[in-house]
Every structure is written in C-alpha cells, then in structure tokens.
Amino acid sequence: MGLFGNKEKKAAEEAEGKAEVERLTSLSTAELAAELMPAFGPNGAKAKGRSGTAAMQVIQWLMADYPRHPSLRPLADSVPVALQRLAGAGLLKATSSGVGTGVQSYSIAPDGEAALAEGSVAKRLGES
C-alpha cells in the first residue's frame, strides 16, 4: 500500500456509499420512514440534549457504515419528510427548536416503541 492508501479501496468505499444514498433516495416516503424508525431504538442515533434527535443525526446514523460517500444533500431533502410522516403516524414526537431556526427534532412516542418492538412500523405507516 502506498503513502496515500489504496486508491481502489477508497473508490470501492465511495461507490458503496453512493449506491446506498441512491437506494435510500429511491424509496417511497413510507419505505424510507420505516428504515429510519430504528434510529430511535436502543442502537439508534444519539440525541444531543433533551429535545430529541435532529434529521442530520438520523442521516449520520443511517450512513454510519459508509465512511466514504457522496453528498448527503439528497437525504437532507427526503429524511425530514419521512420523519414528519412518522410523527404524523404517531410513532414519533416532533419538537421545534424555538430558537427561530425552525429545526425540528424527534423523539420516539409510546406507539413508536410498540411498533418497533412488534416489527409493525411499515404496517402502521400504511394505515396512516
């Protein structure tokens, strides 16, 4: 391996990250929402503070297995919509920052805990 590392390995990691971003952005809002729900479970994204977990923390959790990836901008557009869908279904609670930024953060609702435990997130999203 050279001084700057293995170019082929880096290229493969970047391709994997790109493929995952493309896969996630190709999902319907309900499908993406179902993939995001585990971010609020025991091995999920870690909230900073009491207000809950912001969309960017969820995106970082989602892409944690992909150290090299393209721009996350497509996910920054679709993940907040999917989080709102989960909140609309009563699986998450949304909280605004109150600082004037309009940033929403989310925490799991009792129905969300039950849906995760039962494995019924997708079913519940289909009913909402």
C-alpha atoms as a PDB file:
ATOM      1  CA  MET A   1       0.000   0.000   0.000  1.00  0.00           C
ATOM      2  CA  GLY A   2       1.329   3.413  -0.918  1.00  0.00           C
ATOM      3  CA  LEU A   3       1.721   6.534   1.139  1.00  0.00           C
ATOM      4  CA  PHE A   4      -1.782   7.752   0.291  1.00  0.00           C
ATOM      5  CA  GLY A   5      -3.560   4.440   0.874  1.00  0.00           C
ATOM      6  CA  ASN A   6      -5.242   2.102  -1.512  1.00  0.00           C
ATOM      7  CA  LYS A   7      -6.991   4.054  -4.276  1.00  0.00           C
ATOM      8  CA  GLU A   8      -9.045   1.032  -5.325  1.00  0.00           C
ATOM      9  CA  LYS A   9     -10.311   0.526  -1.781  1.00  0.00           C
ATOM     10  CA  LYS A  10     -11.257   4.200  -1.467  1.00  0.00           C
ATOM     11  CA  ALA A  11     -13.030   4.096  -4.827  1.00  0.00           C
ATOM     12  CA  ALA A  12     -14.947   0.958  -3.784  1.00  0.00           C
ATOM     13  CA  GLU A  13     -15.972   2.562  -0.476  1.00  0.00           C
ATOM     14  CA  GLU A  14     -17.135   5.688  -2.292  1.00  0.00           C
ATOM     15  CA  ALA A  15     -19.124   3.556  -4.754  1.00  0.00           C
ATOM     16  CA  GLU A  16     -20.785   1.684  -1.860  1.00  0.00           C
ATOM     17  CA  GLY A  17     -21.722   4.952  -0.162  1.00  0.00           C
ATOM     18  CA  LYS A  18     -23.079   6.386  -3.391  1.00  0.00           C
ATOM     19  CA  ALA A  19     -25.136   3.240  -4.036  1.00  0.00           C
ATOM     20  CA  GLU A  20     -26.637   3.441  -0.544  1.00  0.00           C
ATOM     21  CA  VAL A  21     -27.586   7.119  -0.942  1.00  0.00           C
ATOM     22  CA  GLU A  22     -29.192   6.278  -4.298  1.00  0.00           C
ATOM     23  CA  ARG A  23     -31.051   3.306  -2.796  1.00  0.00           C
ATOM     24  CA  LEU A  24     -32.386   5.372   0.087  1.00  0.00           C
ATOM     25  CA  THR A  25     -33.468   8.269  -2.117  1.00  0.00           C
ATOM     26  CA  SER A  26     -35.295   5.875  -4.447  1.00  0.00           C
ATOM     27  CA  LEU A  27     -37.564   4.643  -1.622  1.00  0.00           C
ATOM     28  CA  SER A  28     -41.072   5.970  -1.139  1.00  0.00           C
ATOM     29  CA  THR A  29     -41.594   8.243   1.862  1.00  0.00           C
ATOM     30  CA  ALA A  30     -43.260   5.396   3.797  1.00  0.00           C
ATOM     31  CA  GLU A  31     -40.447   2.950   2.945  1.00  0.00           C
ATOM     32  CA  LEU A  32     -37.782   5.451   3.986  1.00  0.00           C
ATOM     33  CA  ALA A  33     -39.694   6.226   7.174  1.00  0.00           C
ATOM     34  CA  ALA A  34     -39.745   2.524   8.069  1.00  0.00           C
ATOM     35  CA  GLU A  35     -35.955   2.381   7.573  1.00  0.00           C
ATOM     36  CA  LEU A  36     -35.477   5.439   9.785  1.00  0.00           C
ATOM     37  CA  MET A  37     -37.535   4.224  12.738  1.00  0.00           C
ATOM     38  CA  PRO A  38     -34.744   2.039  14.226  1.00  0.00           C
ATOM     39  CA  ALA A  39     -32.725   5.263  14.619  1.00  0.00           C
ATOM     40  CA  PHE A  40     -34.959   5.900  17.632  1.00  0.00           C
ATOM     41  CA  GLY A  41     -34.423   2.464  19.148  1.00  0.00           C
ATOM     42  CA  PRO A  42     -31.753   1.294  21.576  1.00  0.00           C
ATOM     43  CA  ASN A  43     -28.938   1.176  18.970  1.00  0.00           C
ATOM     44  CA  GLY A  44     -30.077   4.268  17.142  1.00  0.00           C
ATOM     45  CA  ALA A  45     -28.895   7.805  16.662  1.00  0.00           C
ATOM     46  CA  LYS A  46     -27.885   9.512  19.869  1.00  0.00           C
ATOM     47  CA  ALA A  47     -29.834  12.633  20.712  1.00  0.00           C
ATOM     48  CA  LYS A  48     -27.923  15.734  21.727  1.00  0.00           C
ATOM     49  CA  GLY A  49     -29.786  17.248  24.626  1.00  0.00           C
ATOM     50  CA  ARG A  50     -33.320  16.699  25.797  1.00  0.00           C
ATOM     51  CA  SER A  51     -35.156  17.956  22.739  1.00  0.00           C
ATOM     52  CA  GLY A  52     -34.680  14.822  20.655  1.00  0.00           C
ATOM     53  CA  THR A  53     -32.823  13.783  17.537  1.00  0.00           C
ATOM     54  CA  ALA A  54     -32.448  16.097  14.546  1.00  0.00           C
ATOM     55  CA  ALA A  55     -32.690  14.916  10.940  1.00  0.00           C
ATOM     56  CA  MET A  56     -28.935  15.317  10.380  1.00  0.00           C
ATOM     57  CA  GLN A  57     -28.182  12.994  13.306  1.00  0.00           C
ATOM     58  CA  VAL A  58     -30.526  10.431  11.751  1.00  0.00           C
ATOM     59  CA  ILE A  59     -28.760  10.790   8.382  1.00  0.00           C
ATOM     60  CA  GLN A  60     -25.371  10.304  10.049  1.00  0.00           C
ATOM     61  CA  TRP A  61     -26.701   7.194  11.814  1.00  0.00           C
ATOM     62  CA  LEU A  62     -28.129   5.904   8.536  1.00  0.00           C
ATOM     63  CA  MET A  63     -24.789   6.292   6.742  1.00  0.00           C
ATOM     64  CA  ALA A  64     -22.520   5.224   9.640  1.00  0.00           C
ATOM     65  CA  ASP A  65     -21.485   2.016   7.836  1.00  0.00           C
ATOM     66  CA  TYR A  66     -20.318   4.019   4.820  1.00  0.00           C
ATOM     67  CA  PRO A  67     -17.233   6.053   5.771  1.00  0.00           C
ATOM     68  CA  ARG A  68     -16.926   7.425   2.231  1.00  0.00           C
ATOM     69  CA  HIS A  69     -19.979   8.719   0.482  1.00  0.00           C
ATOM     70  CA  PRO A  70     -21.068  11.427  -1.900  1.00  0.00           C
ATOM     71  CA  SER A  71     -23.022  14.447  -0.852  1.00  0.00           C
ATOM     72  CA  LEU A  72     -25.771  13.693   1.642  1.00  0.00           C
ATOM     73  CA  ARG A  73     -27.873  16.539   0.223  1.00  0.00           C
ATOM     74  CA  PRO A  74     -30.441  14.192  -1.368  1.00  0.00           C
ATOM     75  CA  LEU A  75     -31.014  12.636   2.063  1.00  0.00           C
ATOM     76  CA  ALA A  76     -31.219  16.074   3.672  1.00  0.00           C
ATOM     77  CA  ASP A  77     -34.223  16.652   1.429  1.00  0.00           C
ATOM     78  CA  SER A  78     -36.006  13.312   1.920  1.00  0.00           C
ATOM     79  CA  VAL A  79     -35.251  12.327   5.534  1.00  0.00           C
ATOM     80  CA  PRO A  80     -37.121  15.260   7.169  1.00  0.00           C
ATOM     81  CA  VAL A  81     -40.212  14.415   5.093  1.00  0.00           C
ATOM     82  CA  ALA A  82     -40.013  10.776   6.226  1.00  0.00           C
ATOM     83  CA  LEU A  83     -39.572  11.865   9.869  1.00  0.00           C
ATOM     84  CA  GLN A  84     -42.670  14.051   9.552  1.00  0.00           C
ATOM     85  CA  ARG A  85     -44.527  11.009   8.197  1.00  0.00           C
ATOM     86  CA  LEU A  86     -43.517   9.039  11.307  1.00  0.00           C
ATOM     87  CA  ALA A  87     -44.668  11.918  13.518  1.00  0.00           C
ATOM     88  CA  GLY A  88     -47.956  12.131  11.606  1.00  0.00           C
ATOM     89  CA  ALA A  89     -48.497   8.423  12.232  1.00  0.00           C
ATOM     90  CA  GLY A  90     -47.993   8.999  15.966  1.00  0.00           C
ATOM     91  CA  LEU A  91     -44.744   6.993  16.080  1.00  0.00           C
ATOM     92  CA  LEU A  92     -42.517   9.990  16.811  1.00  0.00           C
ATOM     93  CA  LYS A  93     -42.999  13.275  18.654  1.00  0.00           C
ATOM     94  CA  ALA A  94     -41.733  16.385  16.879  1.00  0.00           C
ATOM     95  CA  THR A  95     -40.315  19.359  18.778  1.00  0.00           C
ATOM     96  CA  SER A  96     -39.271  22.702  17.299  1.00  0.00           C
ATOM     97  CA  SER A  97     -36.071  24.293  18.496  1.00  0.00           C
ATOM     98  CA  GLY A  98     -37.742  27.543  19.484  1.00  0.00           C
ATOM     99  CA  VAL A  99     -34.582  29.439  18.546  1.00  0.00           C
ATOM    100  CA  GLY A 100     -36.061  30.705  15.309  1.00  0.00           C
ATOM    101  CA  THR A 101     -34.186  28.267  13.101  1.00  0.00           C
ATOM    102  CA  GLY A 102     -37.229  26.080  12.555  1.00  0.00           C
ATOM    103  CA  VAL A 103     -35.155  22.955  13.206  1.00  0.00           C
ATOM    104  CA  GLN A 104     -37.289  20.002  14.185  1.00  0.00           C
ATOM    105  CA  SER A 105     -36.069  17.261  16.469  1.00  0.00           C
ATOM    106  CA  TYR A 106     -37.806  13.973  17.098  1.00  0.00           C
ATOM    107  CA  SER A 107     -38.197  11.516  19.919  1.00  0.00           C
ATOM    108  CA  ILE A 108     -39.943   8.184  19.992  1.00  0.00           C
ATOM    109  CA  ALA A 109     -43.583   8.109  21.067  1.00  0.00           C
ATOM    110  CA  PRO A 110     -45.119   5.220  23.034  1.00  0.00           C
ATOM    111  CA  ASP A 111     -46.795   3.952  19.840  1.00  0.00           C
ATOM    112  CA  GLY A 112     -43.396   4.068  18.125  1.00  0.00           C
ATOM    113  CA  GLU A 113     -41.833   1.965  20.878  1.00  0.00           C
ATOM    114  CA  ALA A 114     -44.629  -0.576  20.469  1.00  0.00           C
ATOM    115  CA  ALA A 115     -44.287  -0.591  16.666  1.00  0.00           C
ATOM    116  CA  LEU A 116     -40.526  -1.171  16.899  1.00  0.00           C
ATOM    117  CA  ALA A 117     -40.986  -3.980  19.419  1.00  0.00           C
ATOM    118  CA  GLU A 118     -43.699  -5.635  17.303  1.00  0.00           C
ATOM    119  CA  GLY A 119     -41.968  -5.042  13.983  1.00  0.00           C
ATOM    120  CA  SER A 120     -45.099  -3.281  12.740  1.00  0.00           C
ATOM    121  CA  VAL A 121     -43.704   0.106  11.666  1.00  0.00           C
ATOM    122  CA  ALA A 122     -44.394  -0.431   7.943  1.00  0.00           C
ATOM    123  CA  LYS A 123     -47.897  -1.683   8.668  1.00  0.00           C
ATOM    124  CA  ARG A 124     -48.672   1.318  10.860  1.00  0.00           C
ATOM    125  CA  LEU A 125     -47.386   3.699   8.197  1.00  0.00           C
ATOM    126  CA  GLY A 126     -49.652   2.071   5.634  1.00  0.00           C
ATOM    127  CA  GLU A 127     -52.647   2.708   7.887  1.00  0.00           C
ATOM    128  CA  SER A 128     -51.910   6.396   8.476  1.00  0.00           C
END
